[in-house]
Protein backbone atom coordinates (compact mmCIF):
# COMPACT_ATOMS: atom_id res chain seq x y z
CA MET A 1 -122.03 272.56 137.39
CA ALA A 2 -122.94 270.39 139.49
CA LEU A 3 -126.57 272.39 140.00
CA ASN A 4 -127.29 272.22 136.15
CA HIS A 5 -126.07 267.90 136.31
CA THR A 6 -129.11 267.26 139.51
CA TYR A 7 -131.75 269.66 137.72
CA GLU A 8 -131.35 267.66 134.65
CA ALA A 9 -131.24 264.34 136.29
CA ARG A 10 -134.04 265.63 138.07
CA LEU A 11 -135.81 265.92 133.82
CA LEU A 12 -135.32 262.29 132.90
CA GLN A 13 -136.31 261.29 136.57
CA GLN A 14 -139.76 262.97 135.77
CA GLU A 15 -139.84 261.24 132.36
CA THR A 16 -139.61 257.47 133.20
CA THR A 17 -142.03 258.15 136.15
CA VAL A 18 -144.33 260.15 134.22
CA GLY A 19 -143.81 256.81 131.40
CA ALA A 20 -143.84 254.65 134.15
CA GLY A 21 -148.00 256.20 135.33
CA VAL A 22 -149.02 256.29 132.01
CA GLN A 23 -148.68 252.82 131.65
CA VAL A 24 -150.81 252.33 134.97
CA LEU A 25 -153.56 254.23 133.93
CA LEU A 26 -153.22 251.97 130.67
CA LEU A 27 -153.87 249.01 132.65
CA ALA A 28 -156.80 250.75 134.29
CA LEU A 29 -158.57 251.98 131.39
CA MET A 30 -157.75 247.77 130.14
CA GLY A 31 -158.85 246.76 133.15
CA THR A 32 -162.28 248.81 132.90
CA ALA A 33 -162.68 247.70 129.09
CA ILE A 34 -162.29 244.13 129.70
CA GLY A 35 -162.51 242.96 133.24
CA MET A 36 -159.01 242.06 133.49
CA GLY A 37 -157.86 239.53 136.16
CA PRO A 38 -155.02 239.43 138.96
CA ALA A 39 -152.47 237.43 136.45
CA GLY A 40 -152.91 240.13 134.02
CA TRP A 41 -152.89 243.22 136.70
CA LEU A 42 -150.19 242.03 138.71
CA THR A 43 -147.89 241.08 135.23
CA GLY A 44 -148.31 245.06 134.02
CA LEU A 45 -147.92 246.33 136.86
CA ALA A 46 -144.11 244.37 137.14
CA PHE A 47 -143.55 245.33 133.80
CA ALA A 48 -144.30 249.29 134.06
CA LEU A 49 -142.05 248.59 137.73
CA ALA A 50 -139.30 247.30 135.43
CA THR A 51 -139.22 249.67 132.97
CA TRP A 52 -139.73 252.37 135.01
CA ALA A 53 -136.22 250.97 137.34
CA VAL A 54 -133.84 249.87 134.62
CA LEU A 55 -135.34 252.86 132.56
CA THR A 56 -134.06 255.41 135.51
CA ARG A 57 -130.77 253.50 136.26
CA ALA A 58 -129.74 254.04 132.48
CA VAL A 59 -130.83 257.00 131.54
CA LEU A 60 -128.73 258.29 135.42
CA ARG A 61 -125.64 256.21 134.39
CA SER A 62 -125.15 257.59 130.30
CA ARG A 63 -125.06 261.72 131.79
CA LEU A 64 -127.63 262.43 128.68
CA ARG A 65 -129.37 265.95 129.66
CA SER A 66 -132.31 265.67 127.84
CA PHE A 67 -134.17 262.33 127.46
CA GLY A 68 -135.57 263.25 123.83
CA PRO A 69 -138.76 263.00 121.52
CA ALA A 70 -137.19 259.02 120.07
CA ASN A 71 -136.15 257.53 123.11
CA ARG A 72 -139.81 259.35 123.97
CA VAL A 73 -141.33 257.19 121.31
CA THR A 74 -139.20 254.64 122.01
CA LEU A 75 -141.48 254.84 125.98
CA GLY A 76 -143.94 255.14 124.21
CA ARG A 77 -144.42 251.99 121.77
CA ALA A 78 -142.55 250.29 125.48
CA ILE A 79 -146.14 251.15 127.43
CA LEU A 80 -147.72 249.89 124.30
CA VAL A 81 -145.92 246.44 125.06
CA GLY A 82 -146.42 246.49 128.99
CA GLY A 83 -150.43 246.40 127.61
CA VAL A 84 -149.44 243.61 125.46
CA THR A 85 -148.05 241.40 127.95
CA ALA A 86 -150.13 242.13 130.25
CA LEU A 87 -152.62 240.84 128.17
CA VAL A 88 -150.45 237.67 127.22
CA ALA A 89 -150.32 237.35 130.87
CA ASP A 90 -154.80 237.60 131.24
CA SER A 91 -154.68 234.76 128.49
CA PHE A 92 -153.73 232.03 130.41
CA GLU A 93 -156.95 232.65 132.85
CA SER A 94 -159.42 234.67 129.62
CA SER A 95 -158.77 235.15 125.60
CA PRO A 96 -158.32 238.57 125.83
CA PRO A 97 -160.06 240.49 122.89
CA VAL A 98 -158.71 240.39 119.25
CA THR A 99 -159.14 243.80 118.97
CA VAL A 100 -157.34 245.24 121.73
CA PHE A 101 -155.16 242.34 121.63
CA VAL A 102 -154.30 243.52 117.91
CA GLY A 103 -154.61 247.15 118.17
CA LEU A 104 -151.88 247.24 120.76
CA THR A 105 -149.37 244.83 119.25
CA ALA A 106 -149.94 246.70 115.31
CA VAL A 107 -149.31 250.23 116.55
CA ALA A 108 -146.45 249.44 118.72
CA LEU A 109 -144.82 247.63 115.50
CA ILE A 110 -145.53 250.99 113.19
CA LEU A 111 -143.71 253.02 115.89
CA ASP A 112 -140.56 250.96 115.62
CA GLY A 113 -140.27 252.42 112.50
CA VAL A 114 -140.32 255.98 113.15
CA ASP A 115 -138.10 255.48 116.68
CA GLY A 116 -135.22 256.17 114.68
CA LYS A 117 -136.31 258.81 112.27
CA VAL A 118 -136.10 260.82 115.25
CA ALA A 119 -133.15 260.20 116.35
CA ARG A 120 -131.87 261.06 112.75
CA ARG A 121 -133.95 263.95 111.80
CA THR A 122 -133.55 265.72 115.01
CA GLY A 123 -130.30 264.60 115.65
CA THR A 124 -130.27 262.46 119.16
CA SER A 125 -128.70 259.42 117.98
CA THR A 126 -127.26 257.96 121.21
CA ALA A 127 -126.35 254.47 122.58
CA LEU A 128 -128.84 254.35 124.92
CA GLY A 129 -131.43 254.47 122.84
CA ALA A 130 -130.51 252.10 120.45
CA ARG A 131 -130.57 250.06 123.48
CA PHE A 132 -133.53 250.68 124.35
CA ASP A 133 -135.32 250.33 120.78
CA MET A 134 -133.05 246.78 120.45
CA GLU A 135 -134.55 245.76 123.77
CA VAL A 136 -138.59 247.08 123.94
CA ASP A 137 -138.40 245.47 120.51
CA ALA A 138 -136.78 241.84 122.07
CA PHE A 139 -139.02 241.54 125.05
CA LEU A 140 -142.47 241.60 122.60
CA ILE A 141 -141.43 239.56 120.33
CA LEU A 142 -140.71 237.18 122.92
CA VAL A 143 -143.91 238.05 124.36
CA LEU A 144 -146.07 237.45 121.51
CA SER A 145 -143.89 234.48 120.89
CA VAL A 146 -145.24 233.14 124.10
CA TYR A 147 -148.49 233.34 123.09
CA VAL A 148 -148.58 231.98 119.68
CA SER A 149 -146.77 229.09 121.43
CA MET A 150 -150.47 228.23 123.09
CA SER A 151 -152.17 227.24 119.77
CA LEU A 152 -148.91 225.99 117.04
CA GLY A 153 -146.76 224.79 120.23
CA PRO A 154 -143.57 225.33 122.21
CA TRP A 155 -141.11 225.63 119.17
CA VAL A 156 -142.85 228.85 118.56
CA LEU A 157 -140.51 229.80 121.83
CA LEU A 158 -137.25 229.86 119.93
CA THR A 159 -138.71 232.69 118.04
CA GLY A 160 -138.63 235.20 120.73
CA GLY A 161 -135.79 233.20 123.04
CA MET A 162 -133.68 233.20 120.08
CA ARG A 163 -131.86 236.71 120.83
CA TYR A 164 -131.63 236.06 124.58
CA VAL A 165 -130.17 232.36 123.88
CA PHE A 166 -127.25 234.52 121.45
CA VAL A 167 -126.94 237.33 124.56
CA ALA A 168 -126.17 234.39 126.81
CA ALA A 169 -123.36 232.54 124.92
CA ALA A 170 -121.43 235.97 124.36
CA LYS A 171 -121.08 235.93 127.85
CA VAL A 172 -119.21 232.46 127.53
CA MET A 173 -117.97 234.11 123.79
CA PRO A 174 -117.33 236.78 124.31
CA TRP A 175 -116.29 237.75 120.75
CA LEU A 176 -120.22 238.01 119.57
CA ASN A 177 -120.11 240.67 121.21
CA GLY A 178 -118.31 242.31 117.87
CA GLU A 179 -119.79 245.61 115.17
CA LEU A 180 -121.35 244.38 113.19
CA PRO A 181 -122.40 246.10 109.67
CA PRO A 182 -125.16 247.49 108.10
CA SER A 183 -127.27 244.97 106.60
CA MET A 184 -131.30 245.68 105.55
CA ALA A 185 -131.24 241.70 105.19
CA ARG A 186 -131.61 242.37 108.75
CA LYS A 187 -133.63 244.64 109.54
CA THR A 188 -136.32 242.95 107.38
CA VAL A 189 -136.11 239.87 109.79
CA ALA A 190 -136.21 241.54 112.57
CA ALA A 191 -139.38 243.34 111.60
CA LEU A 192 -141.34 239.97 109.49
CA GLN A 193 -141.12 238.33 112.88
CA GLY A 194 -143.05 240.70 114.93
CA VAL A 195 -146.00 240.51 111.84
CA ALA A 196 -145.62 237.24 111.16
CA LEU A 197 -146.44 236.65 115.50
CA LEU A 198 -149.13 239.14 115.17
CA VAL A 199 -151.20 237.40 112.04
CA ALA A 200 -151.07 234.39 114.14
CA GLY A 201 -152.01 235.58 117.39
CA SER A 202 -155.14 237.09 115.42
CA GLY A 203 -156.60 234.05 114.49
CA LEU A 204 -157.61 235.21 110.91
CA LEU A 205 -155.48 232.62 109.00
CA PRO A 206 -156.47 228.86 108.89
CA TYR A 207 -153.90 226.63 111.07
CA ALA A 208 -151.88 225.09 108.45
CA ALA A 209 -151.60 229.41 107.08
CA THR A 210 -150.44 230.73 109.95
CA ALA A 211 -148.16 227.50 111.22
CA GLY A 212 -146.30 228.09 108.31
CA ILE A 213 -146.21 231.38 108.35
CA VAL A 214 -144.62 231.67 111.56
CA ALA A 215 -141.80 229.02 110.95
CA PHE A 216 -140.44 230.68 107.72
CA ALA A 217 -140.18 233.67 109.97
CA LEU A 218 -138.57 231.43 112.15
CA ALA A 219 -136.38 229.71 109.36
CA SER A 220 -135.17 233.31 108.32
CA LEU A 221 -134.75 234.48 111.79
CA VAL A 222 -132.45 231.48 112.15
CA TRP A 223 -130.85 232.04 108.54
CA SER A 224 -130.37 236.11 110.63
CA PHE A 225 -128.57 235.12 113.08
CA GLY A 226 -126.38 231.49 111.60
CA ARG A 227 -124.76 234.59 108.82
CA ASP A 228 -124.41 237.62 111.83
CA VAL A 229 -122.36 234.59 113.85
CA LEU A 230 -120.24 233.33 110.97
CA TRP A 231 -119.54 237.11 110.52
CA LEU A 232 -118.39 237.85 113.79
CA TRP A 233 -116.33 234.20 113.19
CA SER A 234 -114.63 234.58 110.58
CA VAL A 235 -113.87 238.50 111.52
CA ARG A 236 -112.37 237.05 115.15
CA ASN A 237 -110.40 234.90 112.78
CA GLN A 238 -108.44 236.23 110.60
CA GLY A 239 -104.83 235.14 109.97
CA ARG A 240 -105.68 231.82 111.90
CA THR A 241 -106.66 228.39 110.65
CA PRO A 242 -109.64 226.55 110.89
CA ALA A 243 -107.86 223.79 113.43
CA GLU A 244 -105.66 227.21 115.57
CA ALA A 245 -108.98 229.10 116.13
CA ALA A 246 -111.21 225.79 117.02
CA ILE A 247 -108.19 225.50 119.89
CA ASP A 248 -108.65 228.38 120.81
CA GLU A 249 -112.57 228.34 121.12
CA VAL A 250 -112.22 225.40 122.95
CA LEU A 251 -109.52 226.21 125.12
CA GLU A 252 -110.54 229.90 125.74
CA PRO A 253 -113.08 229.50 128.98
CA VAL A 254 -110.85 227.49 130.61
CA ALA A 255 -108.19 229.79 130.89
CA GLU A 256 -110.71 232.47 131.68
CA LEU A 257 -111.68 229.44 134.43
CA VAL A 258 -108.35 229.56 135.17
CA GLY A 259 -107.50 232.91 135.50
CA GLY A 260 -110.05 233.89 137.77
CA ARG A 261 -111.51 236.84 134.85
């Protein structure tokens, strides 16, 4: 049994190591094709190393027996996101080729709808796979928002930062970690962010139209997060009056701090 587990662990490590190798190969191809500068190289390599380290640790802790086809698709998306990240970092020194930026981003966004279907059809859906998919999506939106903010202004960073603010808030208010019901609207709004930022980053539309599209996408994201927060609040406070809920919300972090929890 121990031998089998060791063998499976080695196979999982091989998968993540191959992913890191492909990431470096993509960076090398990009560097040769567009002459990527030090900022792009260093950022891309840091992304590859961080992805390899975090993913390897996660798959070993999850005790998966195999990496699975869906996770391979998500890993492929992560590699593309690493390429986009390198381009965005390089854009602080020189403008990246629009075709390369749009191509990598578009494929990464398209594949977002593939890994889930593969997981369901192959019966390989896992909590790790869902988390991996979500983190890759969130990081891509963050990187795209950084790029677009250079032309539209810092307000665009709200698009990429909102999910991370939500996660940080959940550390203080654990009820935000509650399970949400499935929602097609939530998925649609999430997909809209990537499309809007891709269109904005392509520079194909006039400034006013680009700003309007990104602003609409951001407004829909605020609505989606707001709706989910209100739903989690209502579930948490079932059976309590609004006044009692408000008092508990103020006192609970204090009680946890005093109690050392």
